Every structure is written in C-alpha cells, then in structure tokens.
Amino acid sequence: MLAAKESLMVEELKRHLGDKITKIEIVRARRVNVEVPPGAHRDVIKFLRDNFDVKHLVTITGVDLGDCIELIYHLSPDNRRWLLNVRTKVPKDNPVIESIVDIIPGATMYEREVYDLLGVTFEGHPNLERLVLPDDWPEGEYPLRKDWKPKEV
C-alpha cells in the first residue's frame, strides 16, 4: 500500500502546479517521479520545499539522451526515508537551465559537477566553474556526453 504522504504530495502538486507538470507518478512506496519542462523545475522544487519540507537535495544526475540532456533532481524530505525525482530535459545544442541554488543552497556543487562533465549551464549560479576536471581541460570537451571522444595524450 502506498503511503498517504506520497499520494497527498502528488495531489497537491497536480492541484497547484498541474499546468507545469508533464507527468507525475508514484513509482512505488517512497518513490515519486515528476517530469516538467525546463524552467518549471524551479516552481516544483520551491513548492516542495515550502509545503512538504523537502529541503535535502541528494544529487543531480545528468544523462545524455542523444539530442537532449536529462537532468534529474533527486530530493528527499528531512526524514530521508523516500525519494522524489524532478526530471527535466534541456536541448543538447543549447544546454541552459536556471539554477536552483537560491532555493536549495546545497545544489551548488552538484550544478558545478553537471556543468563540468556535461556542459549544462546553470543560469544564476553564483560560482559556476570547474569542479571535477583539471583547470587546463579543453573548453567544449564534456567527457560524459555520448559523442565525446578522448584525444591522445
């Protein structure tokens, strides 16, 4: 049986932000997926923070899907007993999305990591610079993109 909290959260998201949600589902107990167009991720994450005490960002996953890059914001309420995934996609030829650092400050390092490895620009990030790759890494080379080819050293 699904917990009441997941069902309540889904119903409240539909009621308040239904026009900004592409798809929402309870995958199983303690696991909810919300798909949104780029830009709507901020509204959903802010709503969850303000109304359901979802303040912990576990990580941000970036996945190269070929023509676009999917971003998955893995969020957890303070009890950390379940996971809520906010999913959105940005075009690979213009991978730009608004930062959520002002909503969840803990996103700082995760956004930098996705920027560094996949080339997604997070507009409004206060310090968007390299995190993982060395400072002399070539511009425009993103090692987690499917079309990236390592060069000879």
N, C-alpha and C. Protein backbone atom coordinates (compact mmCIF):
# COMPACT_ATOMS: atom_id res chain seq x y z
N MET A 1 0.84 -1.18 0.00
CA MET A 1 0.00 0.00 0.00
C MET A 1 0.89 1.25 0.00
N LEU A 2 0.52 2.20 -0.82
CA LEU A 2 1.30 3.43 -0.89
C LEU A 2 1.00 4.32 0.31
N ALA A 3 2.03 4.98 0.77
CA ALA A 3 1.88 5.86 1.92
C ALA A 3 1.03 7.07 1.56
N ALA A 4 0.33 7.57 2.53
CA ALA A 4 -0.55 8.72 2.32
C ALA A 4 0.23 9.97 1.95
N LYS A 5 1.46 10.09 2.45
CA LYS A 5 2.23 11.30 2.18
C LYS A 5 2.55 11.45 0.69
N GLU A 6 2.92 10.34 0.04
CA GLU A 6 3.19 10.39 -1.40
C GLU A 6 1.95 10.79 -2.18
N SER A 7 0.82 10.18 -1.84
CA SER A 7 -0.44 10.49 -2.52
C SER A 7 -0.84 11.94 -2.30
N LEU A 8 -0.70 12.42 -1.08
CA LEU A 8 -1.03 13.82 -0.78
C LEU A 8 -0.13 14.76 -1.58
N MET A 9 1.16 14.45 -1.63
CA MET A 9 2.10 15.30 -2.36
C MET A 9 1.73 15.34 -3.85
N VAL A 10 1.43 14.20 -4.43
CA VAL A 10 1.07 14.14 -5.84
C VAL A 10 -0.19 14.96 -6.09
N GLU A 11 -1.20 14.81 -5.25
CA GLU A 11 -2.45 15.56 -5.43
C GLU A 11 -2.22 17.06 -5.29
N GLU A 12 -1.42 17.47 -4.32
CA GLU A 12 -1.14 18.90 -4.13
C GLU A 12 -0.33 19.47 -5.29
N LEU A 13 0.63 18.71 -5.79
CA LEU A 13 1.39 19.17 -6.96
C LEU A 13 0.47 19.34 -8.16
N LYS A 14 -0.42 18.38 -8.39
CA LYS A 14 -1.37 18.48 -9.51
C LYS A 14 -2.27 19.69 -9.34
N ARG A 15 -2.74 19.90 -8.12
CA ARG A 15 -3.68 20.99 -7.86
C ARG A 15 -3.03 22.36 -8.04
N HIS A 16 -1.82 22.53 -7.54
CA HIS A 16 -1.17 23.84 -7.56
C HIS A 16 -0.32 24.09 -8.80
N LEU A 17 0.27 23.05 -9.36
CA LEU A 17 1.21 23.23 -10.47
C LEU A 17 0.92 22.30 -11.64
N GLY A 18 -0.29 21.79 -11.72
CA GLY A 18 -0.64 20.82 -12.75
C GLY A 18 -0.34 21.27 -14.16
N ASP A 19 -0.47 22.57 -14.43
CA ASP A 19 -0.19 23.09 -15.77
C ASP A 19 1.30 23.10 -16.09
N LYS A 20 2.15 22.92 -15.09
CA LYS A 20 3.60 22.93 -15.29
C LYS A 20 4.20 21.53 -15.23
N ILE A 21 3.36 20.53 -15.05
CA ILE A 21 3.83 19.16 -14.90
C ILE A 21 3.46 18.35 -16.13
N THR A 22 4.46 17.73 -16.74
CA THR A 22 4.24 16.88 -17.91
C THR A 22 3.72 15.51 -17.50
N LYS A 23 4.30 14.96 -16.44
CA LYS A 23 3.91 13.63 -15.97
C LYS A 23 4.27 13.53 -14.49
N ILE A 24 3.43 12.85 -13.75
CA ILE A 24 3.72 12.62 -12.34
C ILE A 24 3.22 11.23 -11.97
N GLU A 25 4.05 10.50 -11.24
CA GLU A 25 3.65 9.15 -10.87
C GLU A 25 4.31 8.72 -9.57
N ILE A 26 3.57 7.89 -8.85
CA ILE A 26 4.14 7.22 -7.69
C ILE A 26 4.66 5.89 -8.23
N VAL A 27 5.96 5.76 -8.29
CA VAL A 27 6.59 4.57 -8.87
C VAL A 27 6.37 3.37 -7.97
N ARG A 28 6.56 3.58 -6.70
CA ARG A 28 6.33 2.58 -5.67
C ARG A 28 6.34 3.33 -4.34
N ALA A 29 6.14 2.62 -3.27
CA ALA A 29 6.17 3.28 -1.96
C ALA A 29 7.49 4.02 -1.80
N ARG A 30 7.41 5.25 -1.36
CA ARG A 30 8.56 6.11 -1.08
C ARG A 30 9.35 6.50 -2.32
N ARG A 31 8.71 6.48 -3.50
CA ARG A 31 9.40 6.90 -4.73
C ARG A 31 8.40 7.58 -5.66
N VAL A 32 8.63 8.89 -5.91
CA VAL A 32 7.75 9.69 -6.77
C VAL A 32 8.59 10.32 -7.88
N ASN A 33 8.10 10.26 -9.11
CA ASN A 33 8.74 10.92 -10.25
C ASN A 33 7.83 12.04 -10.75
N VAL A 34 8.44 13.20 -11.00
CA VAL A 34 7.73 14.34 -11.56
C VAL A 34 8.51 14.81 -12.77
N GLU A 35 7.87 14.83 -13.94
CA GLU A 35 8.52 15.33 -15.16
C GLU A 35 7.95 16.70 -15.49
N VAL A 36 8.87 17.64 -15.77
CA VAL A 36 8.46 19.02 -16.07
C VAL A 36 9.27 19.56 -17.24
N PRO A 37 8.74 20.56 -17.94
CA PRO A 37 9.54 21.22 -18.97
C PRO A 37 10.62 22.08 -18.31
N PRO A 38 11.69 22.42 -19.04
CA PRO A 38 12.72 23.28 -18.46
C PRO A 38 12.11 24.58 -17.94
N GLY A 39 12.56 25.01 -16.80
CA GLY A 39 12.05 26.24 -16.20
C GLY A 39 11.03 25.95 -15.11
N ALA A 40 10.20 24.95 -15.32
CA ALA A 40 9.19 24.60 -14.32
C ALA A 40 9.80 23.87 -13.13
N HIS A 41 11.01 23.35 -13.30
CA HIS A 41 11.67 22.63 -12.20
C HIS A 41 11.80 23.52 -10.97
N ARG A 42 12.06 24.80 -11.17
CA ARG A 42 12.21 25.72 -10.03
C ARG A 42 10.90 25.84 -9.25
N ASP A 43 9.79 25.98 -9.95
CA ASP A 43 8.50 26.11 -9.28
C ASP A 43 8.15 24.86 -8.48
N VAL A 44 8.41 23.70 -9.06
CA VAL A 44 8.11 22.44 -8.38
C VAL A 44 9.00 22.27 -7.15
N ILE A 45 10.28 22.52 -7.30
CA ILE A 45 11.20 22.35 -6.17
C ILE A 45 10.90 23.35 -5.06
N LYS A 46 10.58 24.59 -5.42
CA LYS A 46 10.22 25.60 -4.41
C LYS A 46 8.93 25.20 -3.69
N PHE A 47 7.94 24.72 -4.44
CA PHE A 47 6.68 24.27 -3.84
C PHE A 47 6.93 23.13 -2.86
N LEU A 48 7.75 22.17 -3.25
CA LEU A 48 8.06 21.04 -2.38
C LEU A 48 8.80 21.49 -1.12
N ARG A 49 9.72 22.41 -1.29
CA ARG A 49 10.46 22.94 -0.13
C ARG A 49 9.52 23.65 0.83
N ASP A 50 8.67 24.51 0.29
CA ASP A 50 7.82 25.34 1.13
C ASP A 50 6.63 24.60 1.74
N ASN A 51 6.13 23.58 1.07
CA ASN A 51 4.90 22.92 1.52
C ASN A 51 5.09 21.52 2.07
N PHE A 52 6.20 20.88 1.74
CA PHE A 52 6.41 19.50 2.19
C PHE A 52 7.76 19.29 2.86
N ASP A 53 8.42 20.38 3.21
CA ASP A 53 9.69 20.31 3.92
C ASP A 53 10.75 19.49 3.17
N VAL A 54 10.70 19.53 1.84
CA VAL A 54 11.68 18.83 1.02
C VAL A 54 12.84 19.79 0.80
N LYS A 55 13.84 19.68 1.66
CA LYS A 55 14.97 20.62 1.63
C LYS A 55 16.30 19.95 1.32
N HIS A 56 16.30 18.64 1.24
CA HIS A 56 17.55 17.92 1.02
C HIS A 56 17.66 17.48 -0.43
N LEU A 57 18.66 18.01 -1.13
CA LEU A 57 18.96 17.57 -2.49
C LEU A 57 20.04 16.49 -2.38
N VAL A 58 19.70 15.27 -2.75
CA VAL A 58 20.64 14.16 -2.65
C VAL A 58 21.73 14.32 -3.69
N THR A 59 21.33 14.61 -4.93
CA THR A 59 22.26 14.86 -6.03
C THR A 59 21.48 15.32 -7.25
N ILE A 60 22.19 15.71 -8.29
CA ILE A 60 21.59 15.97 -9.60
C ILE A 60 22.27 15.02 -10.57
N THR A 61 21.48 14.22 -11.26
CA THR A 61 22.00 13.32 -12.28
C THR A 61 21.81 13.95 -13.64
N GLY A 62 22.84 13.91 -14.46
CA GLY A 62 22.74 14.36 -15.84
C GLY A 62 22.93 13.17 -16.76
N VAL A 63 22.03 13.01 -17.74
CA VAL A 63 22.08 11.88 -18.65
C VAL A 63 22.01 12.39 -20.09
N ASP A 64 22.98 12.03 -20.89
CA ASP A 64 22.98 12.39 -22.31
C ASP A 64 22.06 11.41 -23.04
N LEU A 65 20.94 11.92 -23.56
CA LEU A 65 19.97 11.08 -24.27
C LEU A 65 20.11 11.18 -25.79
N GLY A 66 21.18 11.80 -26.24
CA GLY A 66 21.40 11.95 -27.68
C GLY A 66 21.14 13.36 -28.14
N ASP A 67 19.87 13.73 -28.29
CA ASP A 67 19.53 15.08 -28.74
C ASP A 67 19.29 16.04 -27.58
N CYS A 68 19.20 15.51 -26.37
CA CYS A 68 18.98 16.35 -25.20
C CYS A 68 19.71 15.76 -23.99
N ILE A 69 19.77 16.57 -22.95
CA ILE A 69 20.36 16.11 -21.69
C ILE A 69 19.26 16.16 -20.65
N GLU A 70 19.03 15.01 -20.02
CA GLU A 70 18.03 14.96 -18.96
C GLU A 70 18.71 15.28 -17.64
N LEU A 71 18.06 16.11 -16.85
CA LEU A 71 18.52 16.43 -15.51
C LEU A 71 17.51 15.86 -14.53
N ILE A 72 18.01 15.12 -13.55
CA ILE A 72 17.15 14.53 -12.54
C ILE A 72 17.60 15.07 -11.18
N TYR A 73 16.72 15.82 -10.56
CA TYR A 73 16.98 16.38 -9.23
C TYR A 73 16.41 15.38 -8.22
N HIS A 74 17.30 14.69 -7.50
CA HIS A 74 16.90 13.69 -6.52
C HIS A 74 16.74 14.40 -5.17
N LEU A 75 15.51 14.51 -4.72
CA LEU A 75 15.20 15.23 -3.49
C LEU A 75 14.65 14.28 -2.44
N SER A 76 14.87 14.64 -1.18
CA SER A 76 14.36 13.82 -0.09
C SER A 76 13.89 14.71 1.04
N PRO A 77 12.73 14.39 1.62
CA PRO A 77 12.32 15.12 2.82
C PRO A 77 13.36 14.91 3.93
N ASP A 78 13.26 15.70 4.96
CA ASP A 78 14.26 15.64 6.02
C ASP A 78 14.41 14.26 6.66
N ASN A 79 13.35 13.45 6.62
CA ASN A 79 13.49 12.12 7.24
C ASN A 79 14.30 11.15 6.36
N ARG A 80 14.54 11.53 5.10
CA ARG A 80 15.38 10.78 4.16
C ARG A 80 14.96 9.31 3.98
N ARG A 81 13.69 9.05 4.18
CA ARG A 81 13.22 7.67 4.03
C ARG A 81 12.60 7.43 2.66
N TRP A 82 12.50 8.46 1.84
CA TRP A 82 11.98 8.25 0.50
C TRP A 82 12.54 9.30 -0.44
N LEU A 83 12.34 9.09 -1.75
CA LEU A 83 12.99 9.89 -2.76
C LEU A 83 11.98 10.44 -3.75
N LEU A 84 12.16 11.69 -4.10
CA LEU A 84 11.32 12.35 -5.09
C LEU A 84 12.24 12.85 -6.20
N ASN A 85 11.97 12.46 -7.43
CA ASN A 85 12.80 12.83 -8.57
C ASN A 85 12.07 13.84 -9.44
N VAL A 86 12.66 15.02 -9.60
CA VAL A 86 12.13 16.02 -10.52
C VAL A 86 12.99 15.94 -11.77
N ARG A 87 12.35 15.60 -12.90
CA ARG A 87 13.07 15.34 -14.15
C ARG A 87 12.71 16.41 -15.18
N THR A 88 13.74 16.88 -15.89
CA THR A 88 13.53 17.82 -16.98
C THR A 88 14.60 17.59 -18.04
N LYS A 89 14.38 18.14 -19.22
CA LYS A 89 15.35 17.95 -20.31
C LYS A 89 15.70 19.29 -20.91
N VAL A 90 16.98 19.42 -21.28
CA VAL A 90 17.44 20.62 -22.00
C VAL A 90 18.03 20.17 -23.33
N PRO A 91 17.87 20.98 -24.38
CA PRO A 91 18.43 20.59 -25.67
C PRO A 91 19.96 20.53 -25.60
N LYS A 92 20.52 19.55 -26.26
CA LYS A 92 21.97 19.37 -26.22
C LYS A 92 22.70 20.51 -26.92
N ASP A 93 22.07 21.10 -27.93
CA ASP A 93 22.73 22.19 -28.66
C ASP A 93 22.63 23.53 -27.94
N ASN A 94 21.85 23.60 -26.87
CA ASN A 94 21.75 24.81 -26.05
C ASN A 94 21.39 24.39 -24.62
N PRO A 95 22.32 23.73 -23.93
CA PRO A 95 22.02 23.17 -22.61
C PRO A 95 22.08 24.21 -21.49
N VAL A 96 21.01 24.98 -21.39
CA VAL A 96 20.94 26.05 -20.40
C VAL A 96 19.67 25.87 -19.58
N ILE A 97 19.79 26.03 -18.26
CA ILE A 97 18.65 25.93 -17.36
C ILE A 97 18.92 26.83 -16.17
N GLU A 98 17.87 27.27 -15.50
CA GLU A 98 18.04 28.13 -14.33
C GLU A 98 18.55 27.33 -13.14
N SER A 99 19.43 27.93 -12.40
CA SER A 99 19.98 27.33 -11.19
C SER A 99 18.90 27.26 -10.11
N ILE A 100 19.06 26.30 -9.19
CA ILE A 100 18.18 26.23 -8.02
C ILE A 100 18.94 26.55 -6.73
N VAL A 101 20.16 27.08 -6.87
CA VAL A 101 20.98 27.36 -5.69
C VAL A 101 20.28 28.33 -4.73
N ASP A 102 19.50 29.27 -5.26
CA ASP A 102 18.80 30.20 -4.38
C ASP A 102 17.64 29.53 -3.64
N ILE A 103 17.18 28.39 -4.13
CA ILE A 103 16.09 27.65 -3.48
C ILE A 103 16.67 26.61 -2.52
N ILE A 104 17.66 25.86 -3.01
CA ILE A 104 18.35 24.85 -2.20
C ILE A 104 19.85 25.10 -2.34
N PRO A 105 20.46 25.78 -1.37
CA PRO A 105 21.88 26.12 -1.48
C PRO A 105 22.79 24.91 -1.69
N GLY A 106 22.39 23.75 -1.23
CA GLY A 106 23.20 22.55 -1.40
C GLY A 106 23.37 22.11 -2.85
N ALA A 107 22.67 22.76 -3.78
CA ALA A 107 22.78 22.41 -5.20
C ALA A 107 24.08 22.94 -5.81
N THR A 108 24.79 23.79 -5.10
CA THR A 108 25.97 24.45 -5.64
C THR A 108 26.96 23.48 -6.28
N MET A 109 27.40 22.50 -5.56
CA MET A 109 28.42 21.58 -6.06
C MET A 109 27.87 20.66 -7.15
N TYR A 110 26.62 20.22 -7.00
CA TYR A 110 26.02 19.32 -8.00
C TYR A 110 25.86 20.02 -9.34
N GLU A 111 25.44 21.27 -9.33
CA GLU A 111 25.32 22.02 -10.58
C GLU A 111 26.69 22.21 -11.22
N ARG A 112 27.69 22.49 -10.42
CA ARG A 112 29.05 22.64 -10.96
C ARG A 112 29.54 21.34 -11.59
N GLU A 113 29.24 20.21 -10.96
CA GLU A 113 29.65 18.92 -11.49
C GLU A 113 28.99 18.64 -12.85
N VAL A 114 27.68 18.88 -12.96
CA VAL A 114 26.97 18.66 -14.22
C VAL A 114 27.47 19.62 -15.29
N TYR A 115 27.76 20.85 -14.90
CA TYR A 115 28.33 21.84 -15.83
C TYR A 115 29.68 21.34 -16.36
N ASP A 116 30.50 20.88 -15.48
CA ASP A 116 31.85 20.44 -15.82
C ASP A 116 31.85 19.22 -16.73
N LEU A 117 31.03 18.23 -16.44
CA LEU A 117 31.09 16.95 -17.13
C LEU A 117 30.15 16.83 -18.33
N LEU A 118 29.06 17.63 -18.35
CA LEU A 118 28.10 17.54 -19.44
C LEU A 118 27.89 18.86 -20.18
N GLY A 119 28.43 19.95 -19.64
CA GLY A 119 28.32 21.23 -20.33
C GLY A 119 26.99 21.95 -20.17
N VAL A 120 26.22 21.62 -19.14
CA VAL A 120 24.96 22.31 -18.88
C VAL A 120 25.25 23.58 -18.10
N THR A 121 24.79 24.71 -18.62
CA THR A 121 24.97 25.99 -17.95
C THR A 121 23.77 26.25 -17.03
N PHE A 122 24.04 26.55 -15.78
CA PHE A 122 23.00 26.85 -14.80
C PHE A 122 22.98 28.36 -14.58
N GLU A 123 22.02 29.02 -15.24
CA GLU A 123 21.93 30.48 -15.16
C GLU A 123 21.60 30.91 -13.73
N GLY A 124 22.31 31.92 -13.26
CA GLY A 124 22.10 32.43 -11.91
C GLY A 124 22.94 31.75 -10.85
N HIS A 125 23.73 30.77 -11.24
CA HIS A 125 24.62 30.11 -10.28
C HIS A 125 25.69 31.11 -9.86
N PRO A 126 25.94 31.26 -8.57
CA PRO A 126 26.88 32.28 -8.11
C PRO A 126 28.36 32.00 -8.40
N ASN A 127 28.71 30.75 -8.72
CA ASN A 127 30.12 30.42 -8.91
C ASN A 127 30.25 29.21 -9.84
N LEU A 128 29.75 29.34 -11.06
CA LEU A 128 29.75 28.21 -11.98
C LEU A 128 31.12 28.08 -12.63
N GLU A 129 31.93 27.22 -12.05
CA GLU A 129 33.27 26.97 -12.57
C GLU A 129 33.59 25.49 -12.41
N ARG A 130 34.71 25.08 -12.93
CA ARG A 130 35.11 23.67 -12.88
C ARG A 130 35.10 23.14 -11.44
N LEU A 131 34.75 21.85 -11.36
CA LEU A 131 34.75 21.19 -10.06
C LEU A 131 35.56 19.89 -10.12
N VAL A 132 35.36 19.11 -11.16
CA VAL A 132 35.95 17.78 -11.25
C VAL A 132 37.17 17.77 -12.17
N LEU A 133 37.02 18.37 -13.33
CA LEU A 133 38.09 18.32 -14.33
C LEU A 133 39.20 19.31 -14.00
N PRO A 134 40.42 19.05 -14.47
CA PRO A 134 41.53 19.98 -14.20
C PRO A 134 41.31 21.33 -14.89
N ASP A 135 41.95 22.35 -14.36
CA ASP A 135 41.80 23.71 -14.89
C ASP A 135 42.22 23.83 -16.35
N ASP A 136 43.15 23.00 -16.79
CA ASP A 136 43.61 23.10 -18.18
C ASP A 136 42.83 22.20 -19.14
N TRP A 137 41.71 21.65 -18.68
CA TRP A 137 40.87 20.82 -19.54
C TRP A 137 40.34 21.68 -20.69
N PRO A 138 40.34 21.17 -21.93
CA PRO A 138 39.90 21.98 -23.07
C PRO A 138 38.43 22.40 -22.98
N GLU A 139 38.16 23.65 -23.34
CA GLU A 139 36.79 24.15 -23.38
C GLU A 139 35.98 23.36 -24.41
N GLY A 140 34.72 23.13 -24.11
CA GLY A 140 33.85 22.44 -25.05
C GLY A 140 34.01 20.93 -25.08
N GLU A 141 34.85 20.39 -24.21
CA GLU A 141 35.05 18.94 -24.12
C GLU A 141 34.34 18.44 -22.86
N TYR A 142 33.28 17.64 -23.06
CA TYR A 142 32.47 17.17 -21.94
C TYR A 142 32.49 15.64 -21.92
N PRO A 143 33.26 15.04 -21.01
CA PRO A 143 33.52 13.61 -21.05
C PRO A 143 32.32 12.70 -20.77
N LEU A 144 31.22 13.22 -20.26
CA LEU A 144 30.06 12.35 -20.05
C LEU A 144 29.04 12.43 -21.18
N ARG A 145 29.37 13.18 -22.22
CA ARG A 145 28.49 13.21 -23.39
C ARG A 145 28.79 12.01 -24.28
N LYS A 146 27.74 11.46 -24.86
CA LYS A 146 27.89 10.27 -25.70
C LYS A 146 28.79 10.50 -26.90
N ASP A 147 28.79 11.72 -27.43
CA ASP A 147 29.58 11.99 -28.63
C ASP A 147 31.02 12.41 -28.32
N TRP A 148 31.40 12.40 -27.05
CA TRP A 148 32.76 12.80 -26.68
C TRP A 148 33.74 11.68 -27.02
N LYS A 149 34.83 12.05 -27.64
CA LYS A 149 35.90 11.11 -27.98
C LYS A 149 37.18 11.56 -27.30
N PRO A 150 37.80 10.70 -26.51
CA PRO A 150 39.06 11.09 -25.87
C PRO A 150 40.15 11.33 -26.92
N LYS A 151 40.96 12.31 -26.64
CA LYS A 151 42.08 12.62 -27.54
C LYS A 151 43.34 11.96 -27.00
N GLU A 152 44.27 11.70 -27.89
CA GLU A 152 45.54 11.10 -27.48
C GLU A 152 46.32 12.09 -26.63
N VAL A 153 47.01 11.57 -25.65
CA VAL A 153 47.82 12.42 -24.78
C VAL A 153 49.24 12.45 -25.30
